[in-house]
Amino acid sequence: MKPTGVLMVGSVPGASPEEVFTRLTTALPGRLQAVPDGETGERWNYIGWQIQRFPLVARRNELGGIPLSESGPPTFTLADIEPTAYDEVALSSYADFKRLRQQNIIPSNVRFQIALPSPYSVMTGHLKTELNSAIEPLYEQRFADTIDRIVADIPHDDMVIQWDLCFEMTALEFDRGRLTDTWHQPYFSSPGGVLQGLVDRVVRLCERIPQDIKLAFHLCYGDLRHKHFIEPQDTSLLVELANALLARENLGPRTEWIHLPVPKGRTDSDYFSPLTGLKLDISGLKPPHIYLGVVHANDEAGTKKRIETAQATVPFHFGVATECGLGRTPPEEVDSILRICKEVTAENP
């Protein structure tokens, strides 16, 4: 039996959201629960466009920031942090989404997928570590304002908000001692440990999202120059974070899907076996769909092998995806990925 459905993680090369919407729904008929706008334009490089939201003194020196004064760390107010603009692009893309659906290009049962990075990931990626605790409540407020506008202007049953959690995974790997670069060291301390502190931050943000809006999670090991920050030993740490998210009252019952990466070389059952510990029915409601990032460009045979191993190992049905977004992927590889995704999957019921 083929896996059911395809998840496009977020970014897709394209000149406009309209081009991406049309390309994906045409290439993957019957396989999408939701469709992203491709994170086109200045969003092509994941969180890179957010660095301009922060003052120069807060940015890492190697990213164009300026050194701190010897007189001590600066203080910041909300006025120092610019709005995220994720709401602006979401509302603009949703207008295209609605128009294409009226033209029957986007099927009526496909929702609008909004991918957002966590503030934790943005700050870890861009800011001086010693300033993150001071800036965090301010940037979280900017994100709260972003969420408020999105949920006010887009029908709740027409969207899924997907949180992209990248530096959360590397923080957990640092905490386990597998990553030693202090860039990935959590900037906070939590009485319940790193995992609880990371999940608490997701919960805070989701408290702004009304309960009738579906959530999703993309768990990521990074895609800097098409490489992970560190290769996962197996899926055990991904399962740990997924279970911690699902266990929270305002997350688990409305989680629509969870996406997990699968490195190209992992066709072994050892990689997939921890997935048997996923607590998908923890809420007692419809369990979230799992998408495994088994699809790699120009590797249909390898993709089928990874699917075969996963199906022999895990006790649940799953859909397929790539490991990460495709925003920095060469066009010919995107063609290969879409073809493989269609070939190896069945349509959603």
Protein backbone atom coordinates (compact mmCIF):
# COMPACT_ATOMS: atom_id res chain seq x y z
CA MET A 1 0.00 0.00 0.00
CA LYS A 2 1.31 3.42 -0.92
CA PRO A 3 1.64 6.22 1.63
CA THR A 4 -1.27 8.64 1.61
CA GLY A 5 -0.77 12.28 0.79
CA VAL A 6 2.08 14.72 0.32
CA LEU A 7 3.22 17.64 2.47
CA MET A 8 5.05 20.53 0.86
CA VAL A 9 7.00 21.75 3.85
CA GLY A 10 6.97 25.44 2.98
CA SER A 11 9.37 27.13 0.60
CA VAL A 12 9.14 26.35 -3.12
CA PRO A 13 10.98 28.21 -5.90
CA GLY A 14 8.62 30.44 -7.84
CA ALA A 15 8.11 33.97 -9.06
CA SER A 16 4.92 34.43 -7.04
CA PRO A 17 2.53 32.64 -4.68
CA GLU A 18 0.11 32.24 -7.59
CA GLU A 19 2.75 30.36 -9.57
CA VAL A 20 3.54 28.09 -6.60
CA PHE A 21 -0.12 27.37 -5.77
CA THR A 22 -0.82 26.45 -9.38
CA ARG A 23 2.28 24.33 -9.77
CA LEU A 24 1.75 22.30 -6.61
CA THR A 25 -1.95 21.61 -7.01
CA THR A 26 -1.43 20.63 -10.65
CA ALA A 27 1.56 18.38 -9.94
CA LEU A 28 0.03 16.67 -6.88
CA PRO A 29 -3.67 16.11 -7.57
CA GLY A 30 -5.61 14.76 -4.62
CA ARG A 31 -2.54 14.58 -2.41
CA LEU A 32 -2.44 17.88 -0.52
CA GLN A 33 -4.24 18.63 2.74
CA ALA A 34 -3.02 22.19 2.51
CA VAL A 35 -0.84 24.23 0.18
CA PRO A 36 1.85 26.80 1.07
CA ASP A 37 2.57 29.98 -0.87
CA GLY A 38 6.20 28.92 -1.41
CA GLU A 39 7.71 31.63 0.81
CA THR A 40 8.60 33.52 -2.33
CA GLY A 41 10.45 36.82 -2.63
CA GLU A 42 12.55 37.92 0.32
CA ARG A 43 11.39 34.93 2.39
CA TRP A 44 13.26 32.45 0.14
CA ASN A 45 16.04 31.95 2.70
CA TYR A 46 13.92 30.83 5.67
CA ILE A 47 14.43 33.30 8.54
CA GLY A 48 17.05 35.43 6.78
CA TRP A 49 14.63 38.27 6.04
CA GLN A 50 13.84 38.72 9.74
CA ILE A 51 17.31 40.01 10.66
CA GLN A 52 16.29 43.48 9.49
CA ARG A 53 13.69 43.57 12.28
CA PHE A 54 16.40 43.90 14.93
CA PRO A 55 18.75 46.79 15.76
CA LEU A 56 22.34 46.44 14.58
CA VAL A 57 23.70 46.17 18.09
CA ALA A 58 21.54 43.09 18.74
CA ARG A 59 22.69 41.19 15.65
CA ARG A 60 25.59 38.78 15.68
CA ASN A 61 28.77 40.53 14.63
CA GLU A 62 29.38 38.00 11.86
CA LEU A 63 25.93 38.85 10.45
CA GLY A 64 26.61 42.57 10.17
CA GLY A 65 25.99 43.55 13.76
CA ILE A 66 28.09 46.00 15.72
CA PRO A 67 30.02 45.18 18.91
CA LEU A 68 28.50 45.84 22.31
CA SER A 69 29.67 48.89 24.21
CA GLU A 70 32.06 48.31 27.09
CA SER A 71 29.65 50.26 29.28
CA GLY A 72 27.28 47.32 29.38
CA PRO A 73 24.43 45.74 27.41
CA PRO A 74 21.83 48.04 25.85
CA THR A 75 18.19 48.15 26.83
CA PHE A 76 15.41 47.66 24.31
CA THR A 77 11.77 48.64 23.91
CA LEU A 78 9.12 47.36 21.53
CA ALA A 79 9.89 50.31 19.24
CA ASP A 80 13.36 48.83 18.65
CA ILE A 81 11.88 45.66 17.14
CA GLU A 82 10.09 46.06 13.81
CA PRO A 83 6.90 44.12 13.00
CA THR A 84 7.53 40.68 11.51
CA ALA A 85 5.49 41.29 8.32
CA TYR A 86 4.48 37.61 8.25
CA ASP A 87 0.89 38.77 8.53
CA GLU A 88 1.23 41.03 5.50
CA VAL A 89 2.52 38.27 3.24
CA ALA A 90 0.00 35.76 4.59
CA LEU A 91 -2.94 38.02 3.83
CA SER A 92 -1.59 38.87 0.39
CA SER A 93 -1.05 35.19 -0.45
CA TYR A 94 -4.47 34.25 0.89
CA ALA A 95 -6.06 36.65 -1.59
CA ASP A 96 -4.32 34.71 -4.39
CA PHE A 97 -5.36 31.42 -2.78
CA LYS A 98 -9.04 32.44 -2.72
CA ARG A 99 -8.99 33.61 -6.32
CA LEU A 100 -7.39 30.39 -7.56
CA ARG A 101 -9.89 28.32 -5.63
CA GLN A 102 -12.74 30.24 -7.22
CA GLN A 103 -11.17 29.30 -10.56
CA ASN A 104 -11.09 25.62 -9.46
CA ILE A 105 -7.29 25.54 -9.66
CA ILE A 106 -7.06 24.90 -5.92
CA PRO A 107 -9.55 22.19 -4.82
CA SER A 108 -12.20 23.19 -2.32
CA ASN A 109 -10.94 20.72 0.32
CA VAL A 110 -7.36 22.08 0.33
CA ARG A 111 -6.54 24.63 3.02
CA PHE A 112 -4.13 27.55 3.09
CA GLN A 113 -0.88 26.56 4.81
CA ILE A 114 0.89 29.29 6.78
CA ALA A 115 4.44 28.38 7.80
CA LEU A 116 5.95 30.41 10.64
CA PRO A 117 9.33 30.03 12.32
CA SER A 118 9.40 30.10 16.08
CA PRO A 119 10.74 33.32 17.59
CA TYR A 120 13.27 31.11 19.37
CA SER A 121 14.68 29.95 16.03
CA VAL A 122 14.81 33.47 14.59
CA MET A 123 16.61 34.91 17.60
CA THR A 124 19.04 32.00 17.94
CA GLY A 125 19.89 32.30 14.28
CA HIS A 126 20.49 36.05 14.24
CA LEU A 127 21.12 37.63 17.62
CA LYS A 128 23.87 37.88 20.20
CA THR A 129 23.19 35.18 22.76
CA GLU A 130 23.57 37.48 25.75
CA LEU A 131 20.79 39.77 24.47
CA ASN A 132 18.17 37.14 23.62
CA SER A 133 16.49 37.10 27.04
CA ALA A 134 15.96 40.87 26.90
CA ILE A 135 14.65 40.84 23.33
CA GLU A 136 12.53 37.67 23.54
CA PRO A 137 9.39 39.20 25.14
CA LEU A 138 9.48 42.07 22.65
CA TYR A 139 9.84 39.87 19.57
CA GLU A 140 7.21 37.50 20.93
CA GLN A 141 4.88 40.51 21.19
CA ARG A 142 5.55 41.28 17.54
CA PHE A 143 4.67 37.67 16.74
CA ALA A 144 1.52 37.92 18.84
CA ASP A 145 0.48 40.98 16.82
CA THR A 146 1.19 39.02 13.63
CA ILE A 147 -0.96 36.11 14.77
CA ASP A 148 -3.78 38.41 15.88
CA ARG A 149 -4.04 39.93 12.41
CA ILE A 150 -3.85 36.59 10.60
CA VAL A 151 -6.60 34.99 12.69
CA ALA A 152 -8.78 38.09 12.41
CA ASP A 153 -8.66 38.23 8.61
CA ILE A 154 -8.52 34.60 7.42
CA PRO A 155 -11.42 32.17 8.10
CA HIS A 156 -10.32 29.73 10.77
CA ASP A 157 -11.44 26.62 8.92
CA ASP A 158 -9.53 27.68 5.82
CA MET A 159 -5.99 27.58 7.23
CA VAL A 160 -3.41 25.53 9.06
CA ILE A 161 -0.59 27.27 10.94
CA GLN A 162 2.61 25.24 10.77
CA TRP A 163 5.42 26.03 13.22
CA ASP A 164 8.88 25.40 11.81
CA LEU A 165 11.07 24.23 14.69
CA CYS A 166 14.71 24.08 13.67
CA PHE A 167 16.90 25.53 16.39
CA GLU A 168 14.72 23.70 18.90
CA MET A 169 16.13 20.44 17.54
CA THR A 170 19.71 21.69 17.67
CA ALA A 171 19.18 22.98 21.22
CA LEU A 172 18.10 19.48 22.25
CA GLU A 173 21.11 17.97 20.48
CA PHE A 174 23.38 20.45 22.29
CA ASP A 175 21.75 19.54 25.58
CA ARG A 176 22.47 15.86 24.86
CA GLY A 177 26.13 16.67 24.15
CA ARG A 178 26.09 15.79 20.45
CA LEU A 179 26.48 19.40 19.29
CA THR A 180 29.29 21.42 20.84
CA ASP A 181 29.02 24.72 18.95
CA THR A 182 27.73 27.21 21.55
CA TRP A 183 25.64 28.85 18.83
CA HIS A 184 23.14 26.07 19.55
CA GLN A 185 23.26 26.37 23.34
CA PRO A 186 19.86 27.46 24.72
CA TYR A 187 19.93 31.03 25.96
CA PHE A 188 17.42 30.31 28.72
CA SER A 189 17.32 28.16 31.82
CA SER A 190 14.15 26.28 32.73
CA PRO A 191 13.37 24.43 35.97
CA GLY A 192 11.91 21.60 33.87
CA GLY A 193 14.89 21.42 31.53
CA VAL A 194 15.53 22.44 27.94
CA LEU A 195 12.69 20.43 26.40
CA GLN A 196 10.09 21.95 28.70
CA GLY A 197 11.44 25.45 28.10
CA LEU A 198 11.23 25.03 24.34
CA VAL A 199 7.70 23.64 24.41
CA ASP A 200 6.57 26.33 26.87
CA ARG A 201 7.55 28.91 24.25
CA VAL A 202 5.44 27.21 21.59
CA VAL A 203 2.51 27.02 24.00
CA ARG A 204 2.76 30.75 24.75
CA LEU A 205 2.46 31.61 21.07
CA CYS A 206 -0.36 29.17 20.45
CA GLU A 207 -2.40 30.68 23.26
CA ARG A 208 -2.95 33.57 20.82
CA ILE A 209 -4.36 31.19 18.21
CA PRO A 210 -8.07 30.37 18.65
CA GLN A 211 -8.78 26.73 19.44
CA ASP A 212 -10.68 26.12 16.21
CA ILE A 213 -7.56 26.75 14.10
CA LYS A 214 -5.51 23.67 13.26
CA LEU A 215 -1.79 23.54 14.02
CA ALA A 216 1.09 21.61 12.50
CA PHE A 217 4.79 21.14 13.25
CA HIS A 218 7.80 20.80 10.99
CA LEU A 219 10.68 19.39 13.04
CA CYS A 220 13.91 20.24 11.30
CA TYR A 221 17.66 19.66 11.55
CA GLY A 222 18.45 22.60 9.28
CA ASP A 223 19.20 22.96 5.60
CA LEU A 224 22.17 25.35 5.57
CA ARG A 225 23.87 24.75 2.20
CA HIS A 226 21.65 21.63 1.93
CA LYS A 227 23.22 20.08 5.03
CA HIS A 228 21.92 19.40 8.50
CA PHE A 229 23.58 21.13 11.44
CA ILE A 230 24.08 17.59 12.71
CA GLU A 231 22.81 14.28 11.39
CA PRO A 232 20.22 12.69 13.68
CA GLN A 233 21.31 9.38 15.15
CA ASP A 234 17.75 8.15 14.72
CA THR A 235 14.24 9.52 15.28
CA SER A 236 14.32 9.25 19.09
CA LEU A 237 14.87 12.96 19.79
CA LEU A 238 12.27 13.91 17.18
CA VAL A 239 9.81 11.61 18.93
CA GLU A 240 10.65 13.17 22.29
CA LEU A 241 9.86 16.67 21.03
CA ALA A 242 6.75 15.52 19.15
CA ASN A 243 5.34 13.77 22.22
CA ALA A 244 6.05 16.79 24.40
CA LEU A 245 4.12 19.01 21.97
CA LEU A 246 1.21 16.59 21.67
CA ALA A 247 0.95 16.27 25.45
CA ARG A 248 0.10 19.96 25.86
CA GLU A 249 -3.61 20.67 26.18
CA ASN A 250 -3.70 23.58 23.76
CA LEU A 251 -1.54 21.83 21.13
CA GLY A 252 -2.22 18.09 20.93
CA PRO A 253 -5.98 17.99 20.26
CA ARG A 254 -5.71 20.36 17.29
CA THR A 255 -2.46 19.23 15.73
CA GLU A 256 -3.20 18.32 12.12
CA TRP A 257 0.20 16.93 11.19
CA ILE A 258 3.81 16.50 12.29
CA HIS A 259 6.66 16.36 9.81
CA LEU A 260 9.90 14.51 10.53
CA PRO A 261 13.08 14.45 8.40
CA VAL A 262 14.68 11.30 6.99
CA PRO A 263 18.32 11.60 5.80
CA LYS A 264 19.02 10.22 2.35
CA GLY A 265 21.31 7.48 3.60
CA ARG A 266 18.92 6.11 6.23
CA THR A 267 17.19 3.10 4.74
CA ASP A 268 17.75 1.10 7.94
CA SER A 269 15.09 0.18 10.46
CA ASP A 270 17.22 1.51 13.33
CA TYR A 271 16.46 5.05 12.17
CA PHE A 272 12.70 4.53 12.11
CA SER A 273 12.18 2.20 15.08
CA PRO A 274 11.85 4.98 17.74
CA LEU A 275 8.74 6.16 15.85
CA THR A 276 6.87 3.30 17.52
CA GLY A 277 7.00 5.49 20.63
CA LEU A 278 4.99 8.33 19.10
CA LYS A 279 1.94 8.97 21.27
CA LEU A 280 -0.43 9.95 18.50
CA ASP A 281 -3.63 9.17 20.38
CA ILE A 282 -2.66 11.08 23.50
CA SER A 283 -5.57 13.52 23.14
CA GLY A 284 -8.17 10.83 22.57
CA LEU A 285 -9.22 12.61 19.37
CA LYS A 286 -8.28 12.11 15.74
CA PRO A 287 -4.52 11.59 15.73
CA PRO A 288 -2.31 13.89 13.67
CA HIS A 289 -1.07 12.72 10.29
CA ILE A 290 2.64 11.96 10.15
CA TYR A 291 4.66 13.03 7.14
CA LEU A 292 8.10 11.49 6.75
CA GLY A 293 10.74 13.37 4.77
CA VAL A 294 11.70 10.34 2.70
CA VAL A 295 11.69 12.04 -0.71
CA HIS A 296 15.05 13.09 -2.12
CA ALA A 297 15.64 14.54 -5.58
CA ASN A 298 16.64 12.17 -8.39
CA ASP A 299 16.33 9.19 -6.05
CA GLU A 300 13.06 7.38 -6.68
CA ALA A 301 14.59 4.01 -5.86
CA GLY A 302 16.01 5.27 -2.58
CA THR A 303 12.72 6.97 -1.74
CA LYS A 304 10.86 3.70 -2.25
CA LYS A 305 13.39 1.88 -0.07
CA ARG A 306 12.99 4.40 2.75
CA ILE A 307 9.20 4.04 2.47
CA GLU A 308 9.47 0.26 2.49
CA THR A 309 11.62 0.28 5.63
CA ALA A 310 9.35 2.77 7.39
CA GLN A 311 6.22 0.78 6.56
CA ALA A 312 7.82 -2.38 7.92
CA THR A 313 8.76 -0.58 11.14
CA VAL A 314 6.07 1.89 12.20
CA PRO A 315 2.52 0.98 13.27
CA PHE A 316 0.75 3.90 11.56
CA HIS A 317 0.01 5.13 8.06
CA PHE A 318 2.00 8.16 6.90
CA GLY A 319 2.41 10.58 4.03
CA VAL A 320 5.60 11.73 2.36
CA ALA A 321 7.56 14.95 2.12
CA THR A 322 11.07 16.20 1.58
CA GLU A 323 13.31 16.79 4.59
CA CYS A 324 12.93 20.57 4.45
CA GLY A 325 11.60 23.34 2.24
CA LEU A 326 12.71 23.69 -1.37
CA GLY A 327 13.37 27.42 -1.58
CA ARG A 328 17.07 27.00 -2.34
CA THR A 329 16.66 23.89 -4.52
CA PRO A 330 17.66 23.95 -8.23
CA PRO A 331 14.62 23.92 -10.56
CA GLU A 332 15.43 20.55 -12.12
CA GLU A 333 15.54 18.95 -8.67
CA VAL A 334 12.13 20.41 -7.81
CA ASP A 335 10.71 18.76 -10.94
CA SER A 336 12.18 15.43 -9.83
CA ILE A 337 10.82 15.81 -6.30
CA LEU A 338 7.27 16.55 -7.46
CA ARG A 339 7.32 13.63 -9.87
CA ILE A 340 8.56 11.22 -7.18
CA CYS A 341 6.03 12.52 -4.64
CA LYS A 342 3.19 11.75 -7.03
CA GLU A 343 4.59 8.39 -8.09
CA VAL A 344 5.06 6.95 -4.60
CA THR A 345 1.78 8.10 -3.00
CA ALA A 346 -1.93 7.52 -3.17
CA GLU A 347 -4.48 10.31 -3.07
CA ASN A 348 -5.99 11.40 0.23
CA PRO A 349 -9.26 9.58 1.00
